[in-house]
Amino acid sequence: MAVETMEMPLAVRRRATMDALAELAEGGLAERMRLDAAARVLRTARRAVDMTGRVMALPPVMQGWDPAATTAREHVETLTPRQIDALLAEGSRWAAALLRAEPELRRAA
């Protein structure tokens, strides 16, 4: 299998590196990753409910997102830090409960 690589011009690589360093230094990377994780929890929960057809109540912090109106990321950006913490914690518990209720999901892949 051939692997293609695209070499970026030195100036572009330098700018990308400087931007990444600034984001790391300012703490932006960690926050962006946290928001990405919270959005992924929402998307995964929505897909799991759709896939299983199981009526399994979402925790309150996971409710209220209308995927027809906004993306998961846009919704997460409206949440407070406390709500994001709760979403991440509750999302893990909810997923574990769903897997206990639907053990065949573990073998679906």
PDB file of N, CA and C in Angstrom:
ATOM      1  N   MET A   1       0.851  -1.171   0.000  1.00  0.00           N
ATOM      2  CA  MET A   1       0.000   0.000   0.000  1.00  0.00           C
ATOM      3  C   MET A   1       0.895   1.233   0.000  1.00  0.00           C
ATOM      4  N   ALA A   2       0.671   2.082  -0.948  1.00  0.00           N
ATOM      5  CA  ALA A   2       1.454   3.310  -1.056  1.00  0.00           C
ATOM      6  C   ALA A   2       0.925   4.360  -0.087  1.00  0.00           C
ATOM      7  N   VAL A   3       1.826   5.117   0.461  1.00  0.00           N
ATOM      8  CA  VAL A   3       1.458   6.198   1.370  1.00  0.00           C
ATOM      9  C   VAL A   3       1.840   7.510   0.711  1.00  0.00           C
ATOM     10  N   GLU A   4       0.865   8.380   0.602  1.00  0.00           N
ATOM     11  CA  GLU A   4       1.146   9.697   0.029  1.00  0.00           C
ATOM     12  C   GLU A   4       1.402  10.682   1.149  1.00  0.00           C
ATOM     13  N   THR A   5       2.378  11.504   0.951  1.00  0.00           N
ATOM     14  CA  THR A   5       2.609  12.578   1.902  1.00  0.00           C
ATOM     15  C   THR A   5       2.619  13.883   1.136  1.00  0.00           C
ATOM     16  N   MET A   6       2.153  14.870   1.794  1.00  0.00           N
ATOM     17  CA  MET A   6       2.169  16.205   1.197  1.00  0.00           C
ATOM     18  C   MET A   6       3.085  17.060   2.050  1.00  0.00           C
ATOM     19  N   GLU A   7       4.106  17.527   1.460  1.00  0.00           N
ATOM     20  CA  GLU A   7       5.019  18.398   2.173  1.00  0.00           C
ATOM     21  C   GLU A   7       4.474  19.815   2.163  1.00  0.00           C
ATOM     22  N   MET A   8       4.323  20.347   3.343  1.00  0.00           N
ATOM     23  CA  MET A   8       3.892  21.738   3.446  1.00  0.00           C
ATOM     24  C   MET A   8       5.126  22.621   3.306  1.00  0.00           C
ATOM     25  N   PRO A   9       4.954  23.769   2.719  1.00  0.00           N
ATOM     26  CA  PRO A   9       6.084  24.710   2.656  1.00  0.00           C
ATOM     27  C   PRO A   9       6.544  25.063   4.072  1.00  0.00           C
ATOM     28  N   LEU A  10       7.801  25.364   4.212  1.00  0.00           N
ATOM     29  CA  LEU A  10       8.395  25.668   5.508  1.00  0.00           C
ATOM     30  C   LEU A  10       7.614  26.757   6.247  1.00  0.00           C
ATOM     31  N   ALA A  11       7.210  27.798   5.566  1.00  0.00           N
ATOM     32  CA  ALA A  11       6.487  28.896   6.218  1.00  0.00           C
ATOM     33  C   ALA A  11       5.156  28.415   6.786  1.00  0.00           C
ATOM     34  N   VAL A  12       4.480  27.517   6.091  1.00  0.00           N
ATOM     35  CA  VAL A  12       3.199  26.989   6.554  1.00  0.00           C
ATOM     36  C   VAL A  12       3.413  26.095   7.774  1.00  0.00           C
ATOM     37  N   ARG A  13       4.440  25.239   7.710  1.00  0.00           N
ATOM     38  CA  ARG A  13       4.751  24.380   8.861  1.00  0.00           C
ATOM     39  C   ARG A  13       5.131  25.209  10.079  1.00  0.00           C
ATOM     40  N   ARG A  14       5.899  26.254   9.841  1.00  0.00           N
ATOM     41  CA  ARG A  14       6.312  27.125  10.949  1.00  0.00           C
ATOM     42  C   ARG A  14       5.103  27.797  11.582  1.00  0.00           C
ATOM     43  N   ARG A  15       4.177  28.323  10.769  1.00  0.00           N
ATOM     44  CA  ARG A  15       2.980  28.985  11.285  1.00  0.00           C
ATOM     45  C   ARG A  15       2.114  27.992  12.061  1.00  0.00           C
ATOM     46  N   ALA A  16       1.952  26.786  11.530  1.00  0.00           N
ATOM     47  CA  ALA A  16       1.158  25.763  12.206  1.00  0.00           C
ATOM     48  C   ALA A  16       1.778  25.400  13.558  1.00  0.00           C
ATOM     49  N   THR A  17       3.107  25.288  13.584  1.00  0.00           N
ATOM     50  CA  THR A  17       3.805  24.972  14.830  1.00  0.00           C
ATOM     51  C   THR A  17       3.659  26.102  15.838  1.00  0.00           C
ATOM     52  N   MET A  18       3.824  27.326  15.393  1.00  0.00           N
ATOM     53  CA  MET A  18       3.700  28.472  16.298  1.00  0.00           C
ATOM     54  C   MET A  18       2.273  28.585  16.844  1.00  0.00           C
ATOM     55  N   ASP A  19       1.278  28.357  15.992  1.00  0.00           N
ATOM     56  CA  ASP A  19      -0.120  28.396  16.441  1.00  0.00           C
ATOM     57  C   ASP A  19      -0.381  27.302  17.478  1.00  0.00           C
ATOM     58  N   ALA A  20       0.149  26.106  17.228  1.00  0.00           N
ATOM     59  CA  ALA A  20      -0.041  24.995  18.164  1.00  0.00           C
ATOM     60  C   ALA A  20       0.644  25.285  19.498  1.00  0.00           C
ATOM     61  N   LEU A  21       1.850  25.841  19.453  1.00  0.00           N
ATOM     62  CA  LEU A  21       2.549  26.195  20.694  1.00  0.00           C
ATOM     63  C   LEU A  21       1.776  27.238  21.491  1.00  0.00           C
ATOM     64  N   ALA A  22       1.246  28.229  20.803  1.00  0.00           N
ATOM     65  CA  ALA A  22       0.469  29.265  21.488  1.00  0.00           C
ATOM     66  C   ALA A  22      -0.774  28.655  22.126  1.00  0.00           C
ATOM     67  N   GLU A  23      -1.437  27.773  21.404  1.00  0.00           N
ATOM     68  CA  GLU A  23      -2.633  27.125  21.956  1.00  0.00           C
ATOM     69  C   GLU A  23      -2.293  26.296  23.188  1.00  0.00           C
ATOM     70  N   LEU A  24      -1.161  25.577  23.137  1.00  0.00           N
ATOM     71  CA  LEU A  24      -0.724  24.796  24.294  1.00  0.00           C
ATOM     72  C   LEU A  24      -0.407  25.701  25.480  1.00  0.00           C
ATOM     73  N   ALA A  25       0.341  26.758  25.231  1.00  0.00           N
ATOM     74  CA  ALA A  25       0.761  27.664  26.301  1.00  0.00           C
ATOM     75  C   ALA A  25      -0.420  28.354  26.960  1.00  0.00           C
ATOM     76  N   GLU A  26      -1.445  28.659  26.186  1.00  0.00           N
ATOM     77  CA  GLU A  26      -2.604  29.384  26.716  1.00  0.00           C
ATOM     78  C   GLU A  26      -3.667  28.448  27.296  1.00  0.00           C
ATOM     79  N   GLY A  27      -3.447  27.150  27.227  1.00  0.00           N
ATOM     80  CA  GLY A  27      -4.413  26.201  27.760  1.00  0.00           C
ATOM     81  C   GLY A  27      -5.576  25.923  26.829  1.00  0.00           C
ATOM     82  N   GLY A  28      -5.521  26.427  25.623  1.00  0.00           N
ATOM     83  CA  GLY A  28      -6.624  26.253  24.681  1.00  0.00           C
ATOM     84  C   GLY A  28      -6.787  24.833  24.175  1.00  0.00           C
ATOM     85  N   LEU A  29      -5.680  24.108  24.051  1.00  0.00           N
ATOM     86  CA  LEU A  29      -5.759  22.749  23.538  1.00  0.00           C
ATOM     87  C   LEU A  29      -6.577  21.855  24.467  1.00  0.00           C
ATOM     88  N   ALA A  30      -6.308  21.939  25.750  1.00  0.00           N
ATOM     89  CA  ALA A  30      -7.041  21.108  26.706  1.00  0.00           C
ATOM     90  C   ALA A  30      -8.535  21.421  26.673  1.00  0.00           C
ATOM     91  N   GLU A  31      -8.882  22.684  26.586  1.00  0.00           N
ATOM     92  CA  GLU A  31     -10.296  23.063  26.553  1.00  0.00           C
ATOM     93  C   GLU A  31     -10.952  22.595  25.265  1.00  0.00           C
ATOM     94  N   ARG A  32     -10.250  22.717  24.152  1.00  0.00           N
ATOM     95  CA  ARG A  32     -10.803  22.255  22.876  1.00  0.00           C
ATOM     96  C   ARG A  32     -11.036  20.749  22.909  1.00  0.00           C
ATOM     97  N   MET A  33     -10.091  20.013  23.490  1.00  0.00           N
ATOM     98  CA  MET A  33     -10.238  18.561  23.585  1.00  0.00           C
ATOM     99  C   MET A  33     -11.405  18.188  24.496  1.00  0.00           C
ATOM    100  N   ARG A  34     -11.600  18.946  25.557  1.00  0.00           N
ATOM    101  CA  ARG A  34     -12.712  18.710  26.484  1.00  0.00           C
ATOM    102  C   ARG A  34     -14.058  18.933  25.785  1.00  0.00           C
ATOM    103  N   LEU A  35     -14.147  20.018  25.015  1.00  0.00           N
ATOM    104  CA  LEU A  35     -15.376  20.284  24.267  1.00  0.00           C
ATOM    105  C   LEU A  35     -15.610  19.209  23.206  1.00  0.00           C
ATOM    106  N   ASP A  36     -14.546  18.782  22.534  1.00  0.00           N
ATOM    107  CA  ASP A  36     -14.671  17.714  21.540  1.00  0.00           C
ATOM    108  C   ASP A  36     -15.165  16.420  22.186  1.00  0.00           C
ATOM    109  N   ALA A  37     -14.634  16.103  23.371  1.00  0.00           N
ATOM    110  CA  ALA A  37     -15.056  14.887  24.071  1.00  0.00           C
ATOM    111  C   ALA A  37     -16.526  14.968  24.470  1.00  0.00           C
ATOM    112  N   ALA A  38     -16.955  16.107  24.968  1.00  0.00           N
ATOM    113  CA  ALA A  38     -18.354  16.273  25.364  1.00  0.00           C
ATOM    114  C   ALA A  38     -19.278  16.159  24.150  1.00  0.00           C
ATOM    115  N   ALA A  39     -18.879  16.741  23.035  1.00  0.00           N
ATOM    116  CA  ALA A  39     -19.686  16.637  21.813  1.00  0.00           C
ATOM    117  C   ALA A  39     -19.745  15.188  21.344  1.00  0.00           C
ATOM    118  N   ARG A  40     -18.660  14.478  21.475  1.00  0.00           N
ATOM    119  CA  ARG A  40     -18.642  13.070  21.066  1.00  0.00           C
ATOM    120  C   ARG A  40     -19.580  12.241  21.936  1.00  0.00           C
ATOM    121  N   VAL A  41     -19.629  12.542  23.226  1.00  0.00           N
ATOM    122  CA  VAL A  41     -20.556  11.844  24.119  1.00  0.00           C
ATOM    123  C   VAL A  41     -21.990  12.044  23.626  1.00  0.00           C
ATOM    124  N   LEU A  42     -22.353  13.275  23.310  1.00  0.00           N
ATOM    125  CA  LEU A  42     -23.712  13.554  22.826  1.00  0.00           C
ATOM    126  C   LEU A  42     -24.012  12.801  21.534  1.00  0.00           C
ATOM    127  N   ARG A  43     -23.096  12.886  20.577  1.00  0.00           N
ATOM    128  CA  ARG A  43     -23.320  12.214  19.285  1.00  0.00           C
ATOM    129  C   ARG A  43     -23.430  10.708  19.461  1.00  0.00           C
ATOM    130  N   THR A  44     -22.565  10.136  20.280  1.00  0.00           N
ATOM    131  CA  THR A  44     -22.572   8.693  20.489  1.00  0.00           C
ATOM    132  C   THR A  44     -23.857   8.251  21.172  1.00  0.00           C
ATOM    133  N   ALA A  45     -24.295   8.997  22.156  1.00  0.00           N
ATOM    134  CA  ALA A  45     -25.541   8.647  22.846  1.00  0.00           C
ATOM    135  C   ALA A  45     -26.718   8.702  21.878  1.00  0.00           C
ATOM    136  N   ARG A  46     -26.772   9.736  21.067  1.00  0.00           N
ATOM    137  CA  ARG A  46     -27.863   9.866  20.094  1.00  0.00           C
ATOM    138  C   ARG A  46     -27.856   8.694  19.118  1.00  0.00           C
ATOM    139  N   ARG A  47     -26.684   8.358  18.602  1.00  0.00           N
ATOM    140  CA  ARG A  47     -26.576   7.249  17.641  1.00  0.00           C
ATOM    141  C   ARG A  47     -26.934   5.918  18.288  1.00  0.00           C
ATOM    142  N   ALA A  48     -26.507   5.724  19.534  1.00  0.00           N
ATOM    143  CA  ALA A  48     -26.799   4.465  20.230  1.00  0.00           C
ATOM    144  C   ALA A  48     -28.300   4.296  20.435  1.00  0.00           C
ATOM    145  N   VAL A  49     -28.970   5.369  20.818  1.00  0.00           N
ATOM    146  CA  VAL A  49     -30.424   5.307  21.000  1.00  0.00           C
ATOM    147  C   VAL A  49     -31.097   5.014  19.664  1.00  0.00           C
ATOM    148  N   ASP A  50     -30.659   5.690  18.616  1.00  0.00           N
ATOM    149  CA  ASP A  50     -31.226   5.463  17.283  1.00  0.00           C
ATOM    150  C   ASP A  50     -30.965   4.038  16.803  1.00  0.00           C
ATOM    151  N   MET A  51     -29.761   3.541  17.044  1.00  0.00           N
ATOM    152  CA  MET A  51     -29.362   2.224  16.563  1.00  0.00           C
ATOM    153  C   MET A  51     -30.111   1.102  17.279  1.00  0.00           C
ATOM    154  N   THR A  52     -30.252   1.232  18.591  1.00  0.00           N
ATOM    155  CA  THR A  52     -30.870   0.159  19.366  1.00  0.00           C
ATOM    156  C   THR A  52     -32.381   0.258  19.383  1.00  0.00           C
ATOM    157  N   GLY A  53     -32.904   1.464  19.164  1.00  0.00           N
ATOM    158  CA  GLY A  53     -34.342   1.658  19.285  1.00  0.00           C
ATOM    159  C   GLY A  53     -34.810   1.529  20.727  1.00  0.00           C
ATOM    160  N   ARG A  54     -33.872   1.448  21.616  1.00  0.00           N
ATOM    161  CA  ARG A  54     -34.177   1.266  23.044  1.00  0.00           C
ATOM    162  C   ARG A  54     -34.535   2.614  23.657  1.00  0.00           C
ATOM    163  N   VAL A  55     -35.615   2.613  24.366  1.00  0.00           N
ATOM    164  CA  VAL A  55     -36.013   3.831  25.071  1.00  0.00           C
ATOM    165  C   VAL A  55     -35.316   3.802  26.421  1.00  0.00           C
ATOM    166  N   MET A  56     -34.171   4.418  26.454  1.00  0.00           N
ATOM    167  CA  MET A  56     -33.379   4.489  27.683  1.00  0.00           C
ATOM    168  C   MET A  56     -33.177   5.957  27.980  1.00  0.00           C
ATOM    169  N   ALA A  57     -33.732   6.381  29.067  1.00  0.00           N
ATOM    170  CA  ALA A  57     -33.701   7.805  29.392  1.00  0.00           C
ATOM    171  C   ALA A  57     -32.273   8.327  29.458  1.00  0.00           C
ATOM    172  N   LEU A  58     -32.080   9.468  28.830  1.00  0.00           N
ATOM    173  CA  LEU A  58     -30.797  10.155  28.922  1.00  0.00           C
ATOM    174  C   LEU A  58     -30.766  10.964  30.209  1.00  0.00           C
ATOM    175  N   PRO A  59     -29.609  11.060  30.847  1.00  0.00           N
ATOM    176  CA  PRO A  59     -29.514  11.932  32.017  1.00  0.00           C
ATOM    177  C   PRO A  59     -29.878  13.360  31.605  1.00  0.00           C
ATOM    178  N   PRO A  60     -30.413  14.153  32.526  1.00  0.00           N
ATOM    179  CA  PRO A  60     -30.835  15.516  32.195  1.00  0.00           C
ATOM    180  C   PRO A  60     -29.781  16.331  31.462  1.00  0.00           C
ATOM    181  N   VAL A  61     -28.528  16.180  31.844  1.00  0.00           N
ATOM    182  CA  VAL A  61     -27.473  16.977  31.204  1.00  0.00           C
ATOM    183  C   VAL A  61     -27.268  16.573  29.747  1.00  0.00           C
ATOM    184  N   MET A  62     -27.718  15.382  29.375  1.00  0.00           N
ATOM    185  CA  MET A  62     -27.565  14.918  27.999  1.00  0.00           C
ATOM    186  C   MET A  62     -28.811  15.214  27.160  1.00  0.00           C
ATOM    187  N   GLN A  63     -29.810  15.763  27.779  1.00  0.00           N
ATOM    188  CA  GLN A  63     -31.034  16.106  27.059  1.00  0.00           C
ATOM    189  C   GLN A  63     -30.950  17.554  26.580  1.00  0.00           C
ATOM    190  N   GLY A  64     -31.848  17.912  25.719  1.00  0.00           N
ATOM    191  CA  GLY A  64     -31.928  19.305  25.309  1.00  0.00           C
ATOM    192  C   GLY A  64     -31.195  19.635  24.030  1.00  0.00           C
ATOM    193  N   TRP A  65     -30.466  18.678  23.480  1.00  0.00           N
ATOM    194  CA  TRP A  65     -29.773  18.939  22.221  1.00  0.00           C
ATOM    195  C   TRP A  65     -30.670  18.532  21.066  1.00  0.00           C
ATOM    196  N   ASP A  66     -30.892  19.446  20.158  1.00  0.00           N
ATOM    197  CA  ASP A  66     -31.678  19.173  18.955  1.00  0.00           C
ATOM    198  C   ASP A  66     -30.708  19.102  17.779  1.00  0.00           C
ATOM    199  N   PRO A  67     -30.373  17.887  17.327  1.00  0.00           N
ATOM    200  CA  PRO A  67     -29.386  17.764  16.254  1.00  0.00           C
ATOM    201  C   PRO A  67     -29.849  18.365  14.930  1.00  0.00           C
ATOM    202  N   ALA A  68     -31.140  18.606  14.779  1.00  0.00           N
ATOM    203  CA  ALA A  68     -31.624  19.254  13.557  1.00  0.00           C
ATOM    204  C   ALA A  68     -31.350  20.760  13.592  1.00  0.00           C
ATOM    205  N   ALA A  69     -31.155  21.297  14.788  1.00  0.00           N
ATOM    206  CA  ALA A  69     -30.960  22.742  14.937  1.00  0.00           C
ATOM    207  C   ALA A  69     -29.495  23.139  15.074  1.00  0.00           C
ATOM    208  N   THR A  70     -28.713  22.334  15.793  1.00  0.00           N
ATOM    209  CA  THR A  70     -27.300  22.661  16.018  1.00  0.00           C
ATOM    210  C   THR A  70     -26.465  21.393  15.996  1.00  0.00           C
ATOM    211  N   THR A  71     -25.182  21.563  15.800  1.00  0.00           N
ATOM    212  CA  THR A  71     -24.273  20.425  15.921  1.00  0.00           C
ATOM    213  C   THR A  71     -24.056  20.145  17.409  1.00  0.00           C
ATOM    214  N   ALA A  72     -23.543  18.967  17.687  1.00  0.00           N
ATOM    215  CA  ALA A  72     -23.233  18.634  19.080  1.00  0.00           C
ATOM    216  C   ALA A  72     -22.212  19.619  19.643  1.00  0.00           C
ATOM    217  N   ARG A  73     -21.236  19.974  18.834  1.00  0.00           N
ATOM    218  CA  ARG A  73     -20.204  20.905  19.297  1.00  0.00           C
ATOM    219  C   ARG A  73     -20.810  22.267  19.618  1.00  0.00           C
ATOM    220  N   GLU A  74     -21.701  22.755  18.758  1.00  0.00           N
ATOM    221  CA  GLU A  74     -22.346  24.046  19.022  1.00  0.00           C
ATOM    222  C   GLU A  74     -23.152  23.985  20.316  1.00  0.00           C
ATOM    223  N   HIS A  75     -23.837  22.873  20.534  1.00  0.00           N
ATOM    224  CA  HIS A  75     -24.624  22.738  21.763  1.00  0.00           C
ATOM    225  C   HIS A  75     -23.709  22.740  22.988  1.00  0.00           C
ATOM    226  N   VAL A  76     -22.638  21.979  22.917  1.00  0.00           N
ATOM    227  CA  VAL A  76     -21.705  21.884  24.046  1.00  0.00           C
ATOM    228  C   VAL A  76     -21.106  23.250  24.378  1.00  0.00           C
ATOM    229  N   GLU A  77     -20.857  24.057  23.362  1.00  0.00           N
ATOM    230  CA  GLU A  77     -20.279  25.379  23.596  1.00  0.00           C
ATOM    231  C   GLU A  77     -21.221  26.305  24.356  1.00  0.00           C
ATOM    232  N   THR A  78     -22.504  25.969  24.435  1.00  0.00           N
ATOM    233  CA  THR A  78     -23.454  26.781  25.202  1.00  0.00           C
ATOM    234  C   THR A  78     -23.534  26.351  26.665  1.00  0.00           C
ATOM    235  N   LEU A  79     -22.903  25.232  27.002  1.00  0.00           N
ATOM    236  CA  LEU A  79     -22.978  24.702  28.365  1.00  0.00           C
ATOM    237  C   LEU A  79     -21.961  25.378  29.275  1.00  0.00           C
ATOM    238  N   THR A  80     -22.268  25.384  30.557  1.00  0.00           N
ATOM    239  CA  THR A  80     -21.324  25.901  31.547  1.00  0.00           C
ATOM    240  C   THR A  80     -20.257  24.833  31.806  1.00  0.00           C
ATOM    241  N   PRO A  81     -19.116  25.218  32.366  1.00  0.00           N
ATOM    242  CA  PRO A  81     -18.095  24.209  32.703  1.00  0.00           C
ATOM    243  C   PRO A  81     -18.648  23.103  33.608  1.00  0.00           C
ATOM    244  N   ARG A  82     -19.496  23.449  34.539  1.00  0.00           N
ATOM    245  CA  ARG A  82     -20.087  22.440  35.439  1.00  0.00           C
ATOM    246  C   ARG A  82     -20.957  21.458  34.647  1.00  0.00           C
ATOM    247  N   GLN A  83     -21.717  21.980  33.680  1.00  0.00           N
ATOM    248  CA  GLN A  83     -22.547  21.108  32.852  1.00  0.00           C
ATOM    249  C   GLN A  83     -21.698  20.196  31.971  1.00  0.00           C
ATOM    250  N   ILE A  84     -20.590  20.706  31.484  1.00  0.00           N
ATOM    251  CA  ILE A  84     -19.697  19.876  30.667  1.00  0.00           C
ATOM    252  C   ILE A  84     -19.102  18.764  31.523  1.00  0.00           C
ATOM    253  N   ASP A  85     -18.675  19.085  32.744  1.00  0.00           N
ATOM    254  CA  ASP A  85     -18.165  18.057  33.656  1.00  0.00           C
ATOM    255  C   ASP A  85     -19.224  16.983  33.891  1.00  0.00           C
ATOM    256  N   ALA A  86     -20.457  17.425  34.137  1.00  0.00           N
ATOM    257  CA  ALA A  86     -21.547  16.472  34.374  1.00  0.00           C
ATOM    258  C   ALA A  86     -21.819  15.627  33.131  1.00  0.00           C
ATOM    259  N   LEU A  87     -21.786  16.250  31.969  1.00  0.00           N
ATOM    260  CA  LEU A  87     -22.010  15.522  30.719  1.00  0.00           C
ATOM    261  C   LEU A  87     -20.971  14.429  30.535  1.00  0.00           C
ATOM    262  N   LEU A  88     -19.715  14.747  30.773  1.00  0.00           N
ATOM    263  CA  LEU A  88     -18.656  13.756  30.627  1.00  0.00           C
ATOM    264  C   LEU A  88     -18.810  12.619  31.632  1.00  0.00           C
ATOM    265  N   ALA A  89     -19.145  12.954  32.871  1.00  0.00           N
ATOM    266  CA  ALA A  89     -19.304  11.923  33.900  1.00  0.00           C
ATOM    267  C   ALA A  89     -20.566  11.091  33.663  1.00  0.00           C
ATOM    268  N   GLU A  90     -21.674  11.749  33.429  1.00  0.00           N
ATOM    269  CA  GLU A  90     -22.934  11.039  33.209  1.00  0.00           C
ATOM    270  C   GLU A  90     -22.909  10.233  31.924  1.00  0.00           C
ATOM    271  N   GLY A  91     -22.237  10.752  30.909  1.00  0.00           N
ATOM    272  CA  GLY A  91     -22.137  10.031  29.643  1.00  0.00           C
ATOM    273  C   GLY A  91     -21.477   8.678  29.825  1.00  0.00           C
ATOM    274  N   SER A  92     -20.425   8.632  30.616  1.00  0.00           N
ATOM    275  CA  SER A  92     -19.734   7.361  30.880  1.00  0.00           C
ATOM    276  C   SER A  92     -20.647   6.387  31.610  1.00  0.00           C
ATOM    277  N   ARG A  93     -21.347   6.868  32.618  1.00  0.00           N
ATOM    278  CA  ARG A  93     -22.255   5.996  33.369  1.00  0.00           C
ATOM    279  C   ARG A  93     -23.405   5.507  32.493  1.00  0.00           C
ATOM    280  N   TRP A  94     -23.943   6.412  31.669  1.00  0.00           N
ATOM    281  CA  TRP A  94     -25.048   6.055  30.790  1.00  0.00           C
ATOM    282  C   TRP A  94     -24.610   4.984  29.792  1.00  0.00           C
ATOM    283  N   ALA A  95     -23.434   5.159  29.198  1.00  0.00           N
ATOM    284  CA  ALA A  95     -22.928   4.184  28.230  1.00  0.00           C
ATOM    285  C   ALA A  95     -22.725   2.813  28.882  1.00  0.00           C
ATOM    286  N   ALA A  96     -22.190   2.794  30.087  1.00  0.00           N
ATOM    287  CA  ALA A  96     -21.995   1.529  30.798  1.00  0.00           C
ATOM    288  C   ALA A  96     -23.336   0.847  31.063  1.00  0.00           C
ATOM    289  N   ALA A  97     -24.346   1.629  31.454  1.00  0.00           N
ATOM    290  CA  ALA A  97     -25.673   1.071  31.701  1.00  0.00           C
ATOM    291  C   ALA A  97     -26.278   0.518  30.408  1.00  0.00           C
ATOM    292  N   LEU A  98     -26.089   1.228  29.298  1.00  0.00           N
ATOM    293  CA  LEU A  98     -26.611   0.754  28.012  1.00  0.00           C
ATOM    294  C   LEU A  98     -25.932  -0.549  27.609  1.00  0.00           C
ATOM    295  N   LEU A  99     -24.639  -0.650  27.801  1.00  0.00           N
ATOM    296  CA  LEU A  99     -23.936  -1.886  27.455  1.00  0.00           C
ATOM    297  C   LEU A  99     -24.348  -3.045  28.342  1.00  0.00           C
ATOM    298  N   ARG A 100     -24.682  -2.763  29.589  1.00  0.00           N
ATOM    299  CA  ARG A 100     -25.197  -3.834  30.459  1.00  0.00           C
ATOM    300  C   ARG A 100     -26.573  -4.288  29.969  1.00  0.00           C
ATOM    301  N   ALA A 101     -27.390  -3.332  29.529  1.00  0.00           N
ATOM    302  CA  ALA A 101     -28.738  -3.647  29.061  1.00  0.00           C
ATOM    303  C   ALA A 101     -28.736  -4.280  27.672  1.00  0.00           C
ATOM    304  N   GLU A 102     -27.748  -3.950  26.861  1.00  0.00           N
ATOM    305  CA  GLU A 102     -27.648  -4.435  25.471  1.00  0.00           C
ATOM    306  C   GLU A 102     -26.256  -5.042  25.247  1.00  0.00           C
ATOM    307  N   PRO A 103     -25.973  -6.192  25.868  1.00  0.00           N
ATOM    308  CA  PRO A 103     -24.625  -6.756  25.782  1.00  0.00           C
ATOM    309  C   PRO A 103     -24.162  -7.073  24.355  1.00  0.00           C
ATOM    310  N   GLU A 104     -25.107  -7.283  23.440  1.00  0.00           N
ATOM    311  CA  GLU A 104     -24.703  -7.581  22.069  1.00  0.00           C
ATOM    312  C   GLU A 104     -24.022  -6.394  21.398  1.00  0.00           C
ATOM    313  N   LEU A 105     -24.197  -5.199  21.931  1.00  0.00           N
ATOM    314  CA  LEU A 105     -23.504  -4.032  21.374  1.00  0.00           C
ATOM    315  C   LEU A 105     -21.989  -4.168  21.500  1.00  0.00           C
ATOM    316  N   ARG A 106     -21.538  -4.871  22.516  1.00  0.00           N
ATOM    317  CA  ARG A 106     -20.090  -5.080  22.687  1.00  0.00           C
ATOM    318  C   ARG A 106     -19.525  -5.919  21.552  1.00  0.00           C
ATOM    319  N   ARG A 107     -20.347  -6.763  20.983  1.00  0.00           N
ATOM    320  CA  ARG A 107     -19.894  -7.654  19.928  1.00  0.00           C
ATOM    321  C   ARG A 107     -20.253  -7.128  18.537  1.00  0.00           C
ATOM    322  N   ALA A 108     -20.892  -5.963  18.460  1.00  0.00           N
ATOM    323  CA  ALA A 108     -21.381  -5.438  17.178  1.00  0.00           C
ATOM    324  C   ALA A 108     -20.263  -5.068  16.221  1.00  0.00           C
ATOM    325  N   ALA A 109     -19.133  -4.701  16.745  1.00  0.00           N
ATOM    326  CA  ALA A 109     -18.025  -4.274  15.872  1.00  0.00           C
ATOM    327  C   ALA A 109     -17.394  -5.439  15.259  1.00  0.00           C
TER     328      ALA A 109
END
